[in-house]
Protein backbone atom coordinates (compact mmCIF):
# COMPACT_ATOMS: atom_id res chain seq x y z
CA MET A 1 29.32 -30.90 -7.90
CA LYS A 2 33.00 -30.12 -8.60
CA SER A 3 33.25 -28.20 -5.34
CA ILE A 4 31.87 -31.18 -3.43
CA ILE A 5 34.42 -33.50 -5.05
CA TYR A 6 37.17 -30.96 -4.29
CA TYR A 7 36.27 -30.77 -0.58
CA ILE A 8 35.99 -34.55 -0.37
CA SER A 9 39.47 -34.82 -1.89
CA ILE A 10 40.86 -32.29 0.60
CA LEU A 11 39.19 -34.18 3.46
CA CYS A 12 40.75 -37.47 2.28
CA VAL A 13 44.21 -35.88 2.18
CA VAL A 14 43.77 -34.45 5.68
CA LEU A 15 42.55 -37.77 7.05
CA THR A 16 45.46 -39.59 5.38
CA VAL A 17 48.01 -37.16 6.84
CA TYR A 18 46.33 -37.38 10.25
CA SER A 19 46.33 -41.18 10.06
CA CYS A 20 50.01 -41.27 9.12
CA GLN A 21 50.89 -38.89 11.94
CA ASN A 22 48.94 -41.03 14.39
CA LYS A 23 50.66 -44.21 13.20
CA ARG A 24 54.06 -42.55 13.41
CA GLN A 25 53.25 -41.24 16.91
CA GLU A 26 52.03 -44.69 17.98
CA LYS A 27 55.20 -46.25 16.58
CA GLU A 28 57.41 -43.76 18.44
CA GLU A 29 55.47 -44.15 21.69
CA GLY A 30 55.59 -47.92 21.30
CA ALA A 31 59.38 -47.76 20.87
CA VAL A 32 59.96 -46.23 24.30
CA PHE A 33 61.54 -48.74 26.70
CA ARG A 34 60.37 -48.08 30.26
CA TYR A 35 61.85 -49.34 33.51
CA ASN A 36 61.96 -48.25 37.14
CA GLU A 37 65.03 -47.68 39.28
CA ASN A 38 64.14 -47.87 42.97
CA SER A 39 67.45 -46.33 44.04
CA ASN A 40 67.82 -42.61 43.45
CA ILE A 41 70.92 -41.74 41.47
CA GLN A 42 73.11 -38.73 42.11
CA THR A 43 75.07 -38.55 38.85
CA LEU A 44 75.27 -39.64 35.22
CA ASP A 45 79.03 -39.09 35.05
CA PRO A 46 80.66 -42.46 34.17
CA ALA A 47 83.66 -41.67 36.40
CA PHE A 48 81.25 -42.17 39.31
CA ALA A 49 79.34 -45.21 37.97
CA ARG A 50 79.89 -47.35 41.04
CA SER A 51 76.41 -48.92 41.31
CA MET A 52 74.07 -50.67 38.88
CA ALA A 53 71.58 -47.83 39.33
CA ILE A 54 74.11 -45.48 37.67
CA ILE A 55 75.79 -48.02 35.39
CA TRP A 56 72.58 -48.96 33.56
CA PRO A 57 71.75 -45.48 32.21
CA CYS A 58 75.44 -44.77 31.60
CA ASN A 59 75.62 -47.93 29.45
CA GLN A 60 73.17 -46.25 27.07
CA LEU A 61 75.03 -42.92 27.05
CA PHE A 62 78.71 -43.87 26.82
CA ASN A 63 81.25 -46.15 25.14
CA GLY A 64 84.78 -47.25 25.96
CA LEU A 65 87.61 -48.94 24.12
CA VAL A 66 86.10 -52.41 24.53
CA GLN A 67 82.85 -54.01 25.65
CA LEU A 68 81.52 -57.41 26.70
CA ASP A 69 79.08 -59.64 24.88
CA ASP A 70 76.50 -61.68 26.78
CA GLN A 71 79.03 -64.52 27.22
CA LEU A 72 81.54 -62.04 28.75
CA ASN A 73 83.89 -62.20 25.78
CA VAL A 74 85.78 -58.95 25.27
CA ILE A 75 84.90 -57.42 21.90
CA GLY A 76 85.61 -54.08 20.28
CA ASP A 77 83.66 -50.96 21.11
CA ILE A 78 85.24 -47.69 19.96
CA ALA A 79 88.41 -49.74 19.41
CA GLN A 80 87.83 -51.79 16.27
CA SER A 81 90.93 -53.89 17.02
CA TRP A 82 93.90 -54.13 19.40
CA GLN A 83 97.27 -55.79 19.56
CA ALA A 84 99.06 -56.98 22.71
CA SER A 85 102.83 -57.36 22.90
CA VAL A 86 104.29 -60.82 23.49
CA ASP A 87 105.17 -59.95 27.10
CA GLY A 88 101.62 -58.69 27.73
CA LEU A 89 102.82 -55.26 28.81
CA THR A 90 101.75 -53.09 25.87
CA TYR A 91 98.35 -52.79 24.16
CA ASP A 92 97.78 -50.77 20.99
CA PHE A 93 94.13 -49.97 20.29
CA THR A 94 93.06 -48.90 16.80
CA LEU A 95 89.98 -46.69 17.01
CA ARG A 96 87.03 -46.40 14.66
CA LYS A 97 86.98 -43.17 12.66
CA GLU A 98 83.22 -42.68 12.56
CA VAL A 99 82.40 -42.29 16.27
CA TYR A 100 80.77 -38.93 17.11
CA PHE A 101 80.03 -37.27 20.43
CA HIS A 102 76.44 -36.28 21.12
CA SER A 103 75.56 -32.74 20.00
CA HIS A 104 76.62 -29.81 22.18
CA PRO A 105 77.40 -26.11 21.49
CA ALA A 106 80.85 -26.48 23.06
CA PHE A 107 81.95 -28.33 19.92
CA GLY A 108 81.45 -25.22 17.79
CA LYS A 109 79.62 -24.77 14.51
CA GLU A 110 79.20 -28.49 13.77
CA GLN A 111 77.83 -29.17 17.30
CA THR A 112 79.84 -32.43 17.40
CA ARG A 113 83.14 -34.02 16.44
CA THR A 114 84.72 -37.44 16.11
CA VAL A 115 86.44 -39.24 18.96
CA THR A 116 90.25 -39.45 18.80
CA ALA A 117 92.88 -41.25 20.85
CA ARG A 118 93.57 -37.98 22.68
CA ASP A 119 90.05 -38.14 24.12
CA PHE A 120 90.97 -41.38 25.85
CA VAL A 121 94.14 -39.78 27.21
CA TYR A 122 92.02 -36.97 28.65
CA SER A 123 89.36 -39.36 30.01
CA PHE A 124 91.92 -41.57 31.77
CA ASP A 125 93.79 -38.51 33.11
CA ARG A 126 90.51 -37.28 34.55
CA LEU A 127 89.65 -40.70 35.98
CA THR A 128 92.96 -40.95 37.85
CA ASN A 129 93.19 -37.30 38.90
CA ALA A 130 92.88 -37.02 42.69
CA LYS A 131 90.76 -33.88 42.26
CA THR A 132 88.14 -35.91 40.40
CA ALA A 133 87.96 -38.33 43.35
CA SER A 134 86.51 -41.07 41.16
CA PRO A 135 85.74 -44.37 42.92
CA GLY A 136 86.85 -46.07 39.70
CA ALA A 137 90.46 -44.81 39.69
CA TRP A 138 91.56 -48.25 40.94
CA ILE A 139 91.05 -49.83 37.52
CA MET A 140 94.22 -48.02 36.40
CA GLN A 141 96.43 -49.32 39.22
CA LYS A 142 98.26 -51.75 36.93
CA VAL A 143 98.78 -49.10 34.23
CA LYS A 144 102.22 -47.55 33.85
CA ARG A 145 101.45 -45.00 31.13
CA TYR A 146 99.25 -44.32 28.11
CA GLU A 147 99.45 -42.06 25.08
CA ALA A 148 97.91 -41.18 21.73
CA LEU A 149 100.28 -42.31 18.96
CA ASN A 150 98.02 -40.48 16.49
CA ASP A 151 94.30 -39.75 16.10
CA THR A 152 93.34 -43.41 15.77
CA VAL A 153 95.92 -45.36 17.81
CA PHE A 154 95.88 -45.36 21.61
CA ARG A 155 98.72 -47.11 23.46
CA LEU A 156 98.48 -48.43 27.01
CA GLU A 157 101.49 -49.83 28.92
CA LEU A 158 101.26 -51.91 32.10
CA LYS A 159 103.58 -52.09 35.10
CA GLU A 160 103.33 -55.87 34.96
CA SER A 161 101.48 -58.37 32.82
CA PHE A 162 97.80 -58.37 33.76
CA PRO A 163 95.55 -60.20 31.25
CA ALA A 164 92.40 -59.03 33.06
CA ILE A 165 93.10 -55.43 31.99
CA LEU A 166 90.73 -55.74 29.03
CA GLY A 167 87.90 -56.68 31.38
CA LEU A 168 88.66 -53.62 33.51
CA LEU A 169 88.60 -51.40 30.42
CA SER A 170 85.10 -52.66 29.64
CA MET A 171 83.83 -51.08 32.87
CA ARG A 172 81.82 -47.89 32.63
CA TYR A 173 84.53 -46.00 34.52
CA ALA A 174 86.70 -46.28 31.37
CA SER A 175 84.22 -44.42 29.13
CA VAL A 176 85.40 -41.68 26.80
CA VAL A 177 84.22 -38.14 27.61
CA PRO A 178 84.81 -34.82 25.76
CA ARG A 179 87.11 -32.24 27.36
CA GLU A 180 85.21 -29.29 25.84
CA VAL A 181 81.97 -30.22 27.60
CA VAL A 182 83.38 -31.55 30.87
CA GLU A 183 85.41 -28.38 31.39
CA ASP A 184 82.74 -25.96 30.16
CA PRO A 185 82.02 -23.73 33.20
CA GLN A 186 78.45 -23.22 31.94
CA HIS A 187 77.75 -26.96 31.78
CA ASP A 188 77.00 -29.42 34.59
CA PHE A 189 78.32 -32.74 33.28
CA ARG A 190 76.90 -34.63 36.26
CA THR A 191 73.32 -33.86 35.29
CA HIS A 192 73.70 -33.29 31.52
CA PRO A 193 76.14 -35.93 30.25
CA ILE A 194 77.53 -35.93 26.72
CA GLY A 195 78.86 -39.23 25.43
CA THR A 196 78.92 -41.33 22.28
CA GLY A 197 76.35 -43.98 23.20
CA PRO A 198 73.29 -45.31 21.36
CA PHE A 199 71.09 -42.85 23.26
CA TYR A 200 71.65 -39.21 24.18
CA PHE A 201 70.53 -37.33 27.27
CA LYS A 202 67.18 -35.54 26.90
CA PHE A 203 65.63 -34.82 30.30
CA TRP A 204 66.15 -35.59 33.98
CA GLU A 205 63.98 -34.52 36.87
CA GLU A 206 65.97 -35.99 39.72
CA ASN A 207 64.16 -38.66 41.75
CA VAL A 208 61.26 -38.54 39.29
CA LYS A 209 62.11 -39.35 35.67
CA LEU A 210 65.04 -39.65 33.25
CA VAL A 211 64.57 -39.68 29.48
CA LEU A 212 67.13 -40.68 26.84
CA ARG A 213 66.55 -40.38 23.09
CA ARG A 214 67.84 -42.37 20.12
CA ASN A 215 71.23 -41.20 18.82
CA PRO A 216 70.89 -40.96 15.01
CA ARG A 217 74.68 -40.77 14.59
CA TYR A 218 75.45 -43.94 16.54
CA PHE A 219 78.25 -45.92 14.93
CA GLU A 220 77.23 -49.54 15.59
CA LYS A 221 75.22 -51.57 13.08
CA ASP A 222 73.42 -54.89 13.44
CA GLU A 223 74.46 -58.06 11.60
CA GLU A 224 72.52 -57.01 8.48
CA GLY A 225 73.99 -53.52 8.44
CA GLY A 226 70.92 -51.94 10.06
CA GLN A 227 71.34 -48.86 12.22
CA LEU A 228 71.35 -49.30 16.00
CA PRO A 229 69.58 -48.67 18.29
CA TYR A 230 66.08 -49.81 17.34
CA LEU A 231 64.28 -48.03 20.18
CA GLU A 232 63.26 -44.38 19.95
CA ALA A 233 63.77 -43.63 23.62
CA VAL A 234 64.40 -44.93 27.14
CA ALA A 235 62.30 -43.67 30.05
CA ILE A 236 63.40 -44.38 33.63
CA THR A 237 61.21 -43.66 36.64
CA PHE A 238 62.37 -43.60 40.27
CA LEU A 239 59.67 -45.17 42.41
CA PRO A 240 61.39 -46.21 45.67
CA ASP A 241 58.82 -48.92 46.46
CA LYS A 242 59.55 -52.14 44.57
CA GLN A 243 56.02 -53.49 45.01
CA SER A 244 54.57 -50.35 43.39
CA ALA A 245 56.96 -50.77 40.47
CA PHE A 246 55.92 -54.41 40.15
CA LEU A 247 52.25 -53.42 39.96
CA GLN A 248 53.09 -50.91 37.23
CA PHE A 249 54.89 -53.67 35.35
CA ILE A 250 51.87 -55.98 35.62
CA GLN A 251 49.63 -53.15 34.41
CA GLY A 252 51.85 -52.66 31.34
CA LYS A 253 53.21 -49.27 32.43
CA LEU A 254 56.76 -50.67 32.64
CA ASP A 255 58.44 -53.02 30.17
CA PHE A 256 60.96 -54.72 32.43
CA ILE A 257 61.93 -55.55 36.00
CA SER A 258 65.12 -57.18 37.24
CA GLY A 259 65.48 -59.49 40.20
CA LEU A 260 63.01 -60.67 42.83
CA ASP A 261 61.80 -58.79 45.86
CA PRO A 262 60.06 -60.52 48.82
CA SER A 263 57.07 -58.19 48.36
CA TYR A 264 56.09 -59.89 45.07
CA LYS A 265 58.32 -62.96 44.71
CA ASP A 266 55.71 -65.58 45.60
CA ASP A 267 53.09 -63.94 43.41
CA LEU A 268 55.40 -63.92 40.38
CA ILE A 269 57.19 -67.27 40.52
CA THR A 270 56.53 -70.77 41.87
CA MET A 271 58.54 -72.52 44.56
CA ASP A 272 60.46 -74.25 41.76
CA GLY A 273 61.48 -70.92 40.28
CA GLN A 274 59.06 -70.94 37.32
CA LEU A 275 56.84 -68.10 36.14
CA GLN A 276 53.33 -68.34 37.60
CA GLU A 277 50.79 -69.56 35.03
CA LYS A 278 48.57 -66.49 35.38
CA TYR A 279 51.37 -64.30 33.95
CA GLN A 280 52.63 -66.54 31.17
CA ALA A 281 50.40 -65.00 28.48
CA PHE A 282 52.01 -61.55 28.66
CA ILE A 283 55.26 -61.84 30.63
CA GLN A 284 58.52 -63.62 29.76
CA MET A 285 61.19 -64.69 32.21
CA GLU A 286 64.92 -65.10 31.57
CA THR A 287 67.45 -66.54 34.00
CA GLY A 288 71.18 -67.08 33.79
CA PRO A 289 74.38 -67.17 35.84
CA TYR A 290 75.19 -64.09 37.90
CA LEU A 291 78.77 -63.46 39.00
CA ASN A 292 78.06 -63.61 42.71
CA THR A 293 79.32 -66.42 44.94
CA GLU A 294 77.56 -66.81 48.28
CA TYR A 295 79.81 -68.49 50.82
CA LEU A 296 80.67 -69.01 54.48
CA GLY A 297 84.26 -68.16 55.29
CA PHE A 298 86.56 -69.79 57.84
CA ASN A 299 89.35 -67.95 59.62
CA MET A 300 92.27 -70.26 58.80
CA GLU A 301 94.49 -68.63 61.43
CA ASP A 302 92.08 -69.25 64.33
CA THR A 303 93.68 -72.33 65.87
CA GLN A 304 91.27 -72.33 68.83
CA SER A 305 88.19 -73.04 66.73
CA ALA A 306 87.14 -76.49 65.54
CA VAL A 307 86.89 -75.11 61.98
CA HIS A 308 90.68 -74.97 61.90
CA ASP A 309 90.49 -78.74 61.29
CA LYS A 310 89.84 -79.48 57.61
CA ARG A 311 87.57 -82.42 58.47
CA ILE A 312 85.12 -80.13 60.22
CA ARG A 313 85.13 -77.71 57.29
CA GLN A 314 84.52 -80.60 54.88
CA ALA A 315 81.74 -82.01 57.09
CA LEU A 316 80.00 -78.63 57.21
CA SER A 317 80.25 -78.31 53.41
CA MET A 318 78.71 -81.71 52.65
CA GLY A 319 76.37 -81.85 55.65
CA PHE A 320 73.36 -80.05 54.16
CA ASP A 321 71.15 -80.28 51.09
CA ARG A 322 71.76 -77.25 48.87
CA GLU A 323 68.95 -78.14 46.47
CA LYS A 324 66.42 -78.18 49.32
CA MET A 325 67.80 -74.95 50.75
CA ILE A 326 67.54 -73.05 47.44
CA LYS A 327 64.11 -74.45 46.62
CA HIS A 328 62.51 -73.51 49.92
CA LEU A 329 64.42 -70.36 50.84
CA ARG A 330 65.32 -68.83 47.47
CA SER A 331 62.51 -70.12 45.21
CA GLY A 332 64.99 -72.06 43.13
CA MET A 333 67.02 -68.94 42.28
CA GLY A 334 70.56 -70.24 42.68
CA ASN A 335 72.96 -72.75 41.19
CA THR A 336 73.86 -75.54 43.62
CA GLN A 337 76.27 -77.41 41.32
CA ILE A 338 79.22 -76.02 43.23
CA GLY A 339 82.97 -76.24 42.81
CA GLY A 340 85.37 -73.64 44.14
CA ILE A 341 85.00 -69.90 44.49
CA ILE A 342 84.70 -69.19 40.73
CA PRO A 343 80.98 -69.02 39.82
CA LYS A 344 79.23 -70.37 36.76
CA GLY A 345 79.63 -68.01 33.83
CA LEU A 346 83.37 -67.45 34.26
CA LYS A 347 86.20 -69.42 32.68
CA GLY A 348 87.93 -71.53 35.33
CA ASN A 349 84.78 -72.72 37.13
CA ILE A 350 84.89 -76.36 38.20
CA GLN A 351 82.34 -78.78 39.64
CA VAL A 352 83.03 -81.24 42.45
CA GLU A 353 81.33 -84.49 43.41
CA ASP A 354 79.82 -85.50 46.76
CA THR A 355 78.51 -82.05 47.68
CA TYR A 356 75.85 -83.68 49.89
CA ASP A 357 76.78 -86.79 51.86
CA ILE A 358 75.34 -87.06 55.37
CA ALA A 359 77.07 -90.36 56.19
CA LYS A 360 80.49 -89.07 55.20
CA ALA A 361 79.93 -85.81 57.07
CA LYS A 362 79.04 -87.71 60.26
CA ALA A 363 82.11 -89.91 59.87
CA LEU A 364 84.38 -86.87 59.56
CA VAL A 365 82.91 -85.32 62.71
CA GLN A 366 83.26 -88.59 64.64
CA ALA A 367 86.90 -88.98 63.55
CA TYR A 368 87.59 -85.47 64.82
CA GLN A 369 85.86 -86.21 68.14
CA GLN A 370 87.83 -89.42 68.68
CA GLU A 371 91.06 -87.45 68.42
CA HIS A 372 89.74 -84.84 70.85
CA ASN A 373 88.41 -87.11 73.61
CA GLY A 374 84.84 -87.05 72.36
CA ALA A 375 84.61 -83.27 72.59
CA ILE A 376 81.35 -81.68 71.49
CA VAL A 377 81.87 -79.74 68.26
CA SER A 378 80.42 -76.30 68.89
CA ILE A 379 81.01 -73.27 66.67
CA SER A 380 79.56 -69.78 66.13
CA LEU A 381 78.39 -68.48 62.75
CA SER A 382 78.39 -64.70 62.29
CA THR A 383 75.88 -63.29 59.81
CA ASN A 384 73.56 -60.36 59.18
CA ALA A 385 69.76 -60.34 59.46
CA GLY A 386 69.29 -60.70 55.69
CA TYR A 387 70.69 -64.23 55.80
CA LEU A 388 69.18 -65.39 59.08
CA ASP A 389 66.80 -67.80 57.30
CA LEU A 390 69.74 -69.57 55.63
CA ALA A 391 71.71 -69.64 58.87
CA GLU A 392 68.82 -71.22 60.79
CA TYR A 393 68.33 -73.86 58.09
CA LEU A 394 72.04 -74.75 58.24
CA GLN A 395 71.94 -74.80 62.04
CA ARG A 396 69.22 -77.48 61.98
CA GLU A 397 70.94 -79.55 59.30
CA TRP A 398 74.35 -79.47 60.98
CA GLN A 399 72.83 -80.58 64.28
CA LYS A 400 72.05 -83.87 62.49
CA ILE A 401 75.76 -84.54 61.79
CA GLY A 402 76.87 -83.73 65.34
CA ILE A 403 77.84 -80.06 65.05
CA THR A 404 76.21 -77.46 67.28
CA VAL A 405 76.08 -73.99 65.73
CA ALA A 406 75.25 -70.76 67.53
CA ILE A 407 74.12 -67.92 65.26
CA ASP A 408 75.50 -64.46 65.96
CA VAL A 409 73.43 -61.84 64.08
CA MET A 410 75.12 -58.46 63.68
CA PRO A 411 74.75 -55.33 61.54
CA PRO A 412 76.43 -55.56 58.10
CA ALA A 413 79.05 -52.94 59.00
CA THR A 414 79.99 -54.81 62.18
CA LEU A 415 80.21 -58.07 60.22
CA ARG A 416 82.54 -56.52 57.64
CA GLN A 417 84.72 -55.03 60.37
CA GLY A 418 84.95 -58.37 62.16
CA MET A 419 85.92 -60.14 58.93
CA ALA A 420 88.64 -57.58 58.16
CA SER A 421 90.08 -57.68 61.68
CA GLY A 422 90.19 -61.49 61.81
CA LYS A 423 88.03 -61.64 64.93
CA LEU A 424 85.40 -63.96 63.40
CA ALA A 425 86.11 -67.69 63.13
CA PHE A 426 83.14 -68.49 60.86
CA PHE A 427 81.21 -65.86 58.90
CA ARG A 428 78.81 -65.30 56.02
CA GLY A 429 80.24 -63.58 52.93
CA SER A 430 79.63 -63.02 49.25
CA TRP A 431 81.67 -61.76 46.33
CA ILE A 432 80.26 -60.01 43.27
CA ALA A 433 82.68 -59.64 40.38
CA ASP A 434 83.98 -56.16 39.62
CA TYR A 435 85.28 -57.34 36.26
CA PRO A 436 84.80 -60.53 34.22
CA ASP A 437 87.94 -62.47 35.03
CA ALA A 438 88.31 -65.33 37.51
CA GLU A 439 91.35 -63.59 38.99
CA ASN A 440 88.78 -61.34 40.65
CA TYR A 441 87.67 -64.32 42.79
CA LEU A 442 90.98 -66.10 43.16
CA SER A 443 92.52 -62.96 44.68
CA LEU A 444 90.40 -63.70 47.79
CA PHE A 445 92.85 -66.46 48.76
CA TYR A 446 96.20 -64.99 47.71
CA SER A 447 98.33 -64.73 50.87
CA LYS A 448 99.57 -61.21 50.09
CA ASN A 449 95.94 -60.04 50.04
CA LYS A 450 95.23 -60.88 53.68
CA ALA A 451 92.84 -58.46 55.36
CA PRO A 452 92.89 -55.63 56.20
CA ASN A 453 95.23 -54.96 53.27
CA GLY A 454 93.17 -56.99 50.82
CA PRO A 455 90.08 -59.17 50.39
CA ASN A 456 91.57 -62.40 51.83
CA TYR A 457 89.20 -62.52 54.83
CA THR A 458 89.86 -66.22 55.43
CA PHE A 459 93.59 -65.56 55.93
CA PHE A 460 94.24 -68.58 53.69
CA SER A 461 97.91 -69.16 52.85
CA ASN A 462 99.28 -71.83 50.53
CA ALA A 463 102.62 -71.59 48.72
CA THR A 464 101.50 -73.68 45.73
CA TYR A 465 98.34 -71.63 45.34
CA ASP A 466 100.34 -68.39 45.46
CA GLN A 467 102.74 -69.66 42.79
CA LEU A 468 99.85 -70.57 40.47
CA TYR A 469 98.21 -67.19 41.10
CA GLU A 470 101.39 -65.28 40.26
CA LYS A 471 102.07 -67.46 37.20
CA ALA A 472 98.61 -66.71 35.78
CA PHE A 473 99.59 -63.03 35.45
CA GLN A 474 102.36 -63.99 33.03
CA ILE A 475 100.15 -66.08 30.75
CA THR A 476 98.50 -64.29 27.83
CA ASP A 477 97.04 -67.44 26.26
CA GLU A 478 93.45 -67.72 27.50
CA GLY A 479 93.29 -71.52 27.38
CA GLU A 480 96.46 -71.95 29.40
CA ARG A 481 95.36 -69.33 31.91
CA GLU A 482 92.01 -71.06 32.31
CA GLN A 483 93.80 -74.30 33.24
CA LEU A 484 95.71 -72.45 35.97
CA TYR A 485 92.45 -70.95 37.23
CA GLN A 486 90.92 -74.43 37.44
CA GLN A 487 93.92 -75.73 39.40
CA MET A 488 93.57 -72.88 41.90
CA ASP A 489 89.83 -73.39 42.18
CA GLN A 490 90.48 -77.09 42.87
CA TRP A 491 92.73 -76.09 45.77
CA ILE A 492 89.88 -74.04 47.25
CA ALA A 493 87.43 -76.91 46.81
CA GLU A 494 89.80 -79.35 48.56
CA GLU A 495 91.12 -77.14 51.37
CA VAL A 496 87.73 -75.47 52.04
CA PRO A 497 88.82 -72.07 53.37
CA ALA A 498 85.33 -71.09 52.25
CA LEU A 499 82.17 -73.20 52.19
CA ILE A 500 80.36 -72.43 48.94
CA LEU A 501 76.62 -72.12 49.54
CA PHE A 502 75.55 -71.48 45.94
CA TYR A 503 76.26 -69.43 42.85
CA ASP A 504 73.73 -66.69 42.33
CA GLN A 505 71.43 -66.34 39.33
CA ALA A 506 70.24 -63.28 37.47
CA VAL A 507 66.55 -63.15 36.60
CA ARG A 508 64.71 -60.73 34.35
CA PHE A 509 61.05 -60.27 33.53
CA SER A 510 59.81 -58.37 30.49
CA ARG A 511 56.58 -57.87 28.60
CA LYS A 512 56.18 -60.24 25.66
CA ASN A 513 56.41 -57.40 23.14
CA ILE A 514 60.04 -56.87 24.17
CA HIS A 515 62.63 -58.76 22.11
CA GLN A 516 66.42 -59.26 22.23
CA LEU A 517 66.77 -57.95 25.77
CA GLY A 518 69.16 -60.75 26.67
CA ILE A 519 70.79 -61.52 29.99
CA ASN A 520 74.44 -61.73 31.08
CA PRO A 521 76.43 -62.84 34.15
CA MET A 522 77.30 -59.23 35.08
CA ASN A 523 73.58 -58.31 35.03
CA ASN A 524 74.42 -55.35 32.83
CA LEU A 525 71.68 -53.66 30.84
CA PHE A 526 72.31 -52.75 27.21
CA LEU A 527 69.35 -51.56 25.16
CA LYS A 528 70.87 -50.85 21.75
CA ARG A 529 69.61 -54.15 20.27
CA VAL A 530 66.25 -54.28 22.05
CA ARG A 531 63.13 -54.25 19.88
CA LYS A 532 59.66 -53.34 21.07
CA GLU A 533 56.54 -54.26 19.11
């Protein structure tokens, strides 16, 4: 009898251990965040993080001096605080003392070490070194010098005041990397990155799968002092076909997809931009501003075209229904409450009245014709095939106000070349922010930035605008600088060197067991606070 009781006891212990192991395994498997990247990536080195496909995994692996919250406010990352000089030329960053690099034999016996200010000196030297050939070296163009004052204080000096520098330093290019690993001849940093981020590199079969694991030494805590990140791992697949990835998402094999593709757009959302009812039980949808302004640009130096007259530019801008256009051609994914070039989500954005007024548009065209002996207003719009549906809609609408538009479809490369050379009088363009400061957009109309030497493809030139633009560089107070940005944006809205079509929107879909994913105007992906049930 005793032997029977003994074996039953042993069996209960074994079953209990097995049950606990199963529960722990289920918990770990359930804490893996899975998404697909349809673009193959060539590197995980942050110095080459030029596309979202590379930036997203690098966000999980690396940290910089500062970072952005979901409202695009600059907050501390490895720098716990910083101080700017009164003239805005010098920034002293005080670093956290408890930030460790991911484990690697190159660090010696301890397999790791803490980050110091000298690591940022090395990382920025590497970023700007011509031998590195980093596409992100440009973020240091305004920097005069930098140095480590000691282990925990990093000083950066600018050539001229440039308040947007903090936004540039939040970019993945400005991540800290360890010299010992980068320069280890036995180590390929491109394919086996070592950073300080919430996840460390585990496995990468190129074009197939990338796996990151939770970093137990990560320095950031949540608001209650809990250790970040919450997830055990991140798994990224590389299916090139977006429709196949969508089907995997619907089947529960992926946790998240970003954006809308024509192959599944109508199945997923309604014409009004709402989630289809059949998916509402297990999918959640988040939308928000995305720092991309879609516009049509006018060549302000082309005196032979009718668009050189401001009345024609104004008539074109108010001569079509943006709400109708976005609803029918973009499934409601776009903000039509337009102002100037600065999109929603950035400080400085304004909103103007009378964005759709057929009667006023007709009157402006007629006034122009009366001064030009009743001449027919005929113009050519240059675009690429991806925007042909928008161009044809506008063509029909503008015919109603007395403007005949011919559509010239060309390859994207030819379109860009024509814009830069000034050969196009009227063209389709867009601008996605490189960094979260309105200066990024306002630089498109600064006269010293005229193409091909800069991004001023409209060849707009206005002395008052230039003075405001230059003054903004000297202002370190954010509120005062925002007022200057609004004044400049008002100039763009009134002079219409660019006709604003709409401000883009970011959209994300996730399974309902995913929490705290968030969304931001840069469409960045940060997973350190994500929870998965």
